[in-house]
Amino acid sequence: MAASGGTLNCEDFSMFQEVLKVMRNIDDRIVHALNTTVPTVSFSGKVDGTQTCKELYESMMDAHLTRDKAIKSCIAQTSEEVAQLRKQRAKDSENLALIKLLRKEQTKLKLMQSELNVEEVVNDRSLKLFRERCRIHYTPPKVK
């Protein structure tokens, strides 16, 4: 998965988190983006709040979708690795290096799955802030 600032590395969890951090910039800066692009009542005639809010919403949704796909892709890849290691362990249950590697991969899988929860919190926070500031300018389509 490509990201603005690098490629999502599913092998190394710390790099995985680092790339996600870069990918979450739009959400981290949502307050600033809203303050600088959404017009206040006194400036509403000079700036098109509807178009500005729509563009911000679309870029936010694109970022959310990209991150969600990237995280799920890494979870699928790591799940496959865990399944392969389990098959190997079933054939060779005495191999300590294999058992250690399996535990490491299982831990990484759990951490990646927890990133989905983090992603949900980040997305909810951003959408809440967006709705607070853009509700009079733009109403996003209902998500199915």
Protein backbone atom coordinates (compact mmCIF):
# COMPACT_ATOMS: atom_id res chain seq x y z
CA MET A 1 0.00 0.00 0.00
CA ALA A 2 1.45 3.32 -0.94
CA ALA A 3 1.15 6.22 1.37
CA SER A 4 2.06 9.84 1.13
CA GLY A 5 5.44 9.65 2.77
CA GLY A 6 6.29 6.02 2.24
CA THR A 7 5.11 2.49 1.71
CA LEU A 8 3.16 0.67 4.37
CA ASN A 9 5.46 -2.05 5.65
CA CYS A 10 3.51 -4.97 7.08
CA GLU A 11 6.65 -6.81 8.20
CA ASP A 12 7.92 -4.23 10.69
CA PHE A 13 5.20 -3.05 13.08
CA SER A 14 7.04 0.10 14.16
CA MET A 15 7.37 1.19 10.52
CA PHE A 16 3.73 0.24 9.97
CA GLN A 17 2.75 2.61 12.80
CA GLU A 18 5.05 5.35 11.54
CA VAL A 19 3.48 5.32 8.07
CA LEU A 20 -0.02 5.31 9.59
CA LYS A 21 0.98 8.34 11.64
CA VAL A 22 1.92 10.18 8.45
CA MET A 23 -1.30 9.02 6.79
CA ARG A 24 -3.31 10.40 9.73
CA ASN A 25 -2.01 13.96 9.23
CA ILE A 26 -5.31 15.15 7.75
CA ASP A 27 -7.15 13.99 10.87
CA ASP A 28 -4.53 15.39 13.22
CA ARG A 29 -4.85 18.78 11.54
CA ILE A 30 -8.62 18.83 11.08
CA VAL A 31 -9.15 21.70 13.54
CA HIS A 32 -6.57 23.83 11.74
CA ALA A 33 -8.03 22.93 8.35
CA LEU A 34 -11.53 23.82 9.51
CA ASN A 35 -10.41 27.10 11.09
CA THR A 36 -8.53 28.21 7.99
CA THR A 37 -10.97 27.09 5.29
CA VAL A 38 -14.49 27.28 6.69
CA PRO A 39 -15.81 30.82 6.68
CA THR A 40 -17.23 32.44 9.77
CA VAL A 41 -20.51 34.36 9.51
CA SER A 42 -18.68 37.62 8.76
CA PHE A 43 -16.73 36.07 5.86
CA SER A 44 -19.44 33.83 4.48
CA GLY A 45 -19.93 36.03 1.42
CA LYS A 46 -16.25 35.94 0.43
CA VAL A 47 -15.67 32.18 0.60
CA ASP A 48 -17.84 29.36 -0.68
CA GLY A 49 -18.33 27.35 2.51
CA THR A 50 -20.29 24.62 0.76
CA GLN A 51 -17.54 23.87 -1.75
CA THR A 52 -14.80 24.17 0.87
CA CYS A 53 -16.53 21.79 3.26
CA LYS A 54 -17.33 19.35 0.47
CA GLU A 55 -13.68 19.24 -0.65
CA LEU A 56 -12.46 18.81 2.92
CA TYR A 57 -14.98 16.02 3.50
CA GLU A 58 -13.98 14.21 0.32
CA SER A 59 -10.27 14.39 1.13
CA MET A 60 -10.96 13.21 4.67
CA MET A 61 -13.04 10.26 3.40
CA ASP A 62 -10.35 9.34 0.86
CA ALA A 63 -7.75 9.32 3.65
CA HIS A 64 -9.99 7.19 5.90
CA LEU A 65 -10.63 4.68 3.12
CA THR A 66 -6.95 4.48 2.16
CA ARG A 67 -5.88 3.85 5.75
CA ASP A 68 -8.65 1.30 6.30
CA LYS A 69 -7.62 -0.65 3.18
CA ALA A 70 -3.94 -0.48 4.17
CA ILE A 71 -4.56 -1.73 7.70
CA LYS A 72 -6.85 -4.53 6.52
CA SER A 73 -4.34 -5.53 3.86
CA CYS A 74 -1.59 -5.86 6.46
CA ILE A 75 -3.92 -7.79 8.78
CA ALA A 76 -4.72 -10.22 5.95
CA GLN A 77 -1.03 -10.60 5.08
CA THR A 78 -0.04 -11.19 8.72
CA SER A 79 -2.97 -13.57 9.26
CA GLU A 80 -1.74 -15.63 6.32
CA GLU A 81 1.75 -15.70 7.81
CA VAL A 82 0.34 -16.85 11.18
CA ALA A 83 -1.65 -19.59 9.44
CA GLN A 84 1.47 -20.81 7.62
CA LEU A 85 3.48 -20.83 10.85
CA ARG A 86 0.70 -22.77 12.60
CA LYS A 87 0.82 -25.41 9.87
CA GLN A 88 4.59 -25.65 10.25
CA ARG A 89 4.27 -25.90 14.03
CA ALA A 90 1.74 -28.73 13.66
CA LYS A 91 4.37 -30.67 11.71
CA ASP A 92 7.27 -29.72 14.01
CA SER A 93 5.94 -28.89 17.48
CA GLU A 94 9.39 -29.10 19.13
CA ASN A 95 11.01 -26.34 17.04
CA LEU A 96 11.53 -23.49 19.55
CA ALA A 97 12.59 -20.96 16.90
CA LEU A 98 9.38 -21.65 15.00
CA ILE A 99 7.26 -21.30 18.16
CA LYS A 100 8.98 -18.01 18.99
CA LEU A 101 8.40 -16.70 15.47
CA LEU A 102 4.73 -17.74 15.63
CA ARG A 103 4.23 -15.87 18.90
CA LYS A 104 5.92 -12.81 17.45
CA GLU A 105 3.64 -12.86 14.40
CA GLN A 106 0.55 -13.42 16.57
CA THR A 107 1.48 -10.42 18.70
CA LYS A 108 2.01 -8.30 15.59
CA LEU A 109 -1.39 -9.42 14.29
CA LYS A 110 -3.10 -8.39 17.54
CA LEU A 111 -1.38 -4.99 17.42
CA MET A 112 -2.48 -4.46 13.83
CA GLN A 113 -6.04 -5.41 14.74
CA SER A 114 -5.93 -2.87 17.56
CA GLU A 115 -5.00 -0.24 14.97
CA LEU A 116 -8.47 -0.73 13.49
CA ASN A 117 -9.90 0.41 16.84
CA VAL A 118 -7.56 3.40 16.88
CA GLU A 119 -8.64 4.18 13.32
CA GLU A 120 -12.30 4.13 14.34
CA VAL A 121 -11.65 6.61 17.16
CA VAL A 122 -9.62 8.91 14.90
CA ASN A 123 -12.29 8.82 12.19
CA ASP A 124 -15.14 9.45 14.66
CA ARG A 125 -13.30 12.43 16.17
CA SER A 126 -12.63 13.96 12.77
CA LEU A 127 -16.20 13.50 11.59
CA LYS A 128 -17.56 15.00 14.80
CA LEU A 129 -15.38 18.10 14.38
CA PHE A 130 -16.31 18.30 10.72
CA ARG A 131 -20.04 18.15 11.49
CA GLU A 132 -19.72 20.84 14.17
CA ARG A 133 -18.07 23.32 11.81
CA CYS A 134 -19.56 22.44 8.44
CA ARG A 135 -23.13 21.50 9.34
CA ILE A 136 -24.55 24.78 8.01
CA HIS A 137 -22.47 24.68 4.81
CA TYR A 138 -22.47 21.04 3.74
CA THR A 139 -24.30 17.85 4.69
CA PRO A 140 -22.35 14.75 3.69
CA PRO A 141 -24.18 11.87 2.02
CA LYS A 142 -25.40 9.10 4.29
CA VAL A 143 -22.91 6.25 4.59
CA LYS A 144 -24.44 2.82 4.04
